[in-house]
C-alpha atoms as a PDB file:
ATOM      1  CA  MET A   1       0.000   0.000   0.000  1.00  0.00           C
ATOM      2  CA  SER A   2       1.490   3.317  -0.999  1.00  0.00           C
ATOM      3  CA  SER A   3       1.101   6.474   1.007  1.00  0.00           C
ATOM      4  CA  ARG A   4      -0.035   9.461  -1.050  1.00  0.00           C
ATOM      5  CA  THR A   5       1.114  12.644   0.584  1.00  0.00           C
ATOM      6  CA  PRO A   6       0.958  15.945  -1.237  1.00  0.00           C
ATOM      7  CA  SER A   7       4.371  17.176  -2.248  1.00  0.00           C
ATOM      8  CA  ILE A   8       5.359  20.788  -1.896  1.00  0.00           C
ATOM      9  CA  LEU A   9       5.653  22.411  -5.282  1.00  0.00           C
ATOM     10  CA  LYS A  10       8.313  25.084  -5.505  1.00  0.00           C
ATOM     11  CA  ILE A  11       8.392  27.200  -8.645  1.00  0.00           C
ATOM     12  CA  ASP A  12      10.382  30.283  -9.453  1.00  0.00           C
ATOM     13  CA  HIS A  13       8.930  33.730 -10.095  1.00  0.00           C
ATOM     14  CA  GLU A  14       9.137  33.377 -13.888  1.00  0.00           C
ATOM     15  CA  HIS A  15       7.078  30.175 -13.955  1.00  0.00           C
ATOM     16  CA  CYS A  16       4.616  31.484 -11.371  1.00  0.00           C
ATOM     17  CA  ARG A  17       4.047  34.584 -13.513  1.00  0.00           C
ATOM     18  CA  ALA A  18       3.541  32.436 -16.637  1.00  0.00           C
ATOM     19  CA  ILE A  19       0.952  30.307 -14.832  1.00  0.00           C
ATOM     20  CA  CYS A  20      -0.919  33.399 -13.619  1.00  0.00           C
ATOM     21  CA  GLU A  21      -0.930  34.868 -17.130  1.00  0.00           C
ATOM     22  CA  GLU A  22      -2.242  31.614 -18.604  1.00  0.00           C
ATOM     23  CA  ILE A  23      -5.041  31.487 -16.040  1.00  0.00           C
ATOM     24  CA  GLY A  24      -5.881  35.115 -16.831  1.00  0.00           C
ATOM     25  CA  GLU A  25      -5.994  34.444 -20.568  1.00  0.00           C
ATOM     26  CA  ARG A  26      -8.282  31.450 -20.101  1.00  0.00           C
ATOM     27  CA  LEU A  27     -10.592  33.434 -17.823  1.00  0.00           C
ATOM     28  CA  GLN A  28     -10.774  36.228 -20.410  1.00  0.00           C
ATOM     29  CA  ILE A  29     -11.900  33.710 -23.000  1.00  0.00           C
ATOM     30  CA  MET A  30     -14.436  32.137 -20.641  1.00  0.00           C
ATOM     31  CA  LEU A  31     -15.825  35.478 -19.460  1.00  0.00           C
ATOM     32  CA  ARG A  32     -16.277  37.208 -22.803  1.00  0.00           C
ATOM     33  CA  PRO A  33     -19.533  39.198 -23.028  1.00  0.00           C
ATOM     34  CA  GLU A  34     -20.828  36.907 -25.769  1.00  0.00           C
ATOM     35  CA  THR A  35     -20.492  33.922 -23.444  1.00  0.00           C
ATOM     36  CA  ARG A  36     -24.012  33.199 -22.266  1.00  0.00           C
ATOM     37  CA  GLU A  37     -23.360  31.107 -19.178  1.00  0.00           C
ATOM     38  CA  LEU A  38     -20.465  30.554 -16.843  1.00  0.00           C
ATOM     39  CA  PRO A  39     -19.323  27.032 -16.135  1.00  0.00           C
ATOM     40  CA  GLU A  40     -21.201  25.707 -13.098  1.00  0.00           C
ATOM     41  CA  ARG A  41     -18.112  25.459 -10.879  1.00  0.00           C
ATOM     42  CA  LEU A  42     -16.995  29.013 -11.671  1.00  0.00           C
ATOM     43  CA  ARG A  43     -20.510  30.347 -11.044  1.00  0.00           C
ATOM     44  CA  LEU A  44     -20.605  28.601  -7.641  1.00  0.00           C
ATOM     45  CA  LEU A  45     -17.211  30.012  -6.686  1.00  0.00           C
ATOM     46  CA  LEU A  46     -18.223  33.545  -7.720  1.00  0.00           C
ATOM     47  CA  ASN A  47     -21.451  33.261  -5.737  1.00  0.00           C
ATOM     48  CA  ARG A  48     -19.505  32.052  -2.711  1.00  0.00           C
ATOM     49  CA  PHE A  49     -17.079  34.946  -3.060  1.00  0.00           C
ATOM     50  CA  ALA A  50     -19.977  37.433  -3.270  1.00  0.00           C
ATOM     51  CA  GLU A  51     -21.483  35.956  -0.083  1.00  0.00           C
ATOM     52  CA  MET A  52     -18.171  36.284   1.721  1.00  0.00           C
ATOM     53  CA  GLU A  53     -17.845  39.912   0.637  1.00  0.00           C
ATOM     54  CA  GLN A  54     -21.193  40.785   2.249  1.00  0.00           C
ATOM     55  CA  ASP A  55     -19.934  39.951   5.728  1.00  0.00           C
ATOM     56  CA  PRO A  56     -17.750  42.761   7.022  1.00  0.00           C
ATOM     57  CA  ALA A  57     -14.318  41.654   8.099  1.00  0.00           C
ATOM     58  CA  PRO A  58     -13.546  42.247  11.757  1.00  0.00           C
ATOM     59  CA  SER A  59     -11.248  45.160  12.376  1.00  0.00           C
ATOM     60  CA  ILE A  60      -7.904  44.419  13.952  1.00  0.00           C
ATOM     61  CA  ALA A  61      -7.487  48.052  15.019  1.00  0.00           C
ATOM     62  CA  PRO A  62      -9.405  49.456  17.994  1.00  0.00           C
ATOM     63  CA  SER A  63     -11.912  52.205  17.302  1.00  0.00           C
ATOM     64  CA  MET A  64     -11.258  55.741  18.515  1.00  0.00           C
ATOM     65  CA  GLU A  65     -14.108  55.333  21.003  1.00  0.00           C
ATOM     66  CA  ASP A  66     -12.431  52.264  22.478  1.00  0.00           C
ATOM     67  CA  MET A  67      -9.079  54.025  22.750  1.00  0.00           C
ATOM     68  CA  MET A  68     -10.646  57.077  24.441  1.00  0.00           C
ATOM     69  CA  SER A  69     -11.878  54.865  27.299  1.00  0.00           C
ATOM     70  CA  TRP A  70      -8.436  53.352  27.960  1.00  0.00           C
ATOM     71  CA  PRO A  71      -6.654  54.603  31.065  1.00  0.00           C
ATOM     72  CA  ILE A  72      -3.612  56.731  30.440  1.00  0.00           C
ATOM     73  CA  ALA A  73      -0.443  55.075  31.740  1.00  0.00           C
ATOM     74  CA  PRO A  74       1.969  57.173  33.773  1.00  0.00           C
ATOM     75  CA  ALA A  75       4.970  58.404  31.793  1.00  0.00           C
ATOM     76  CA  HIS A  76       7.489  56.425  33.863  1.00  0.00           C
ATOM     77  CA  ILE A  77       5.999  53.036  32.868  1.00  0.00           C
ATOM     78  CA  GLY A  78       8.026  51.418  30.151  1.00  0.00           C
ATOM     79  CA  GLU A  79      11.024  53.722  30.518  1.00  0.00           C
ATOM     80  CA  ALA A  80      14.497  52.212  30.831  1.00  0.00           C
ATOM     81  CA  ARG A  81      15.973  52.533  34.291  1.00  0.00           C
END
């Protein structure tokens, strides 16, 4: 019985760029205005992306209101002695 583990694929910048360009060219062909329908898988992925975009991402920065309620630390805290 053979173990199938995914191998890590390492490609250089030149090949990565070529792959991205090829994907872009194929998407341009698939998404031409005269194309009546998207492939089912692509339509599902676009719908999923649109759903994800509707939910606001949580902010990692505190709001100004939150910061205004924080106590002010004395100036000597954190200073080197």
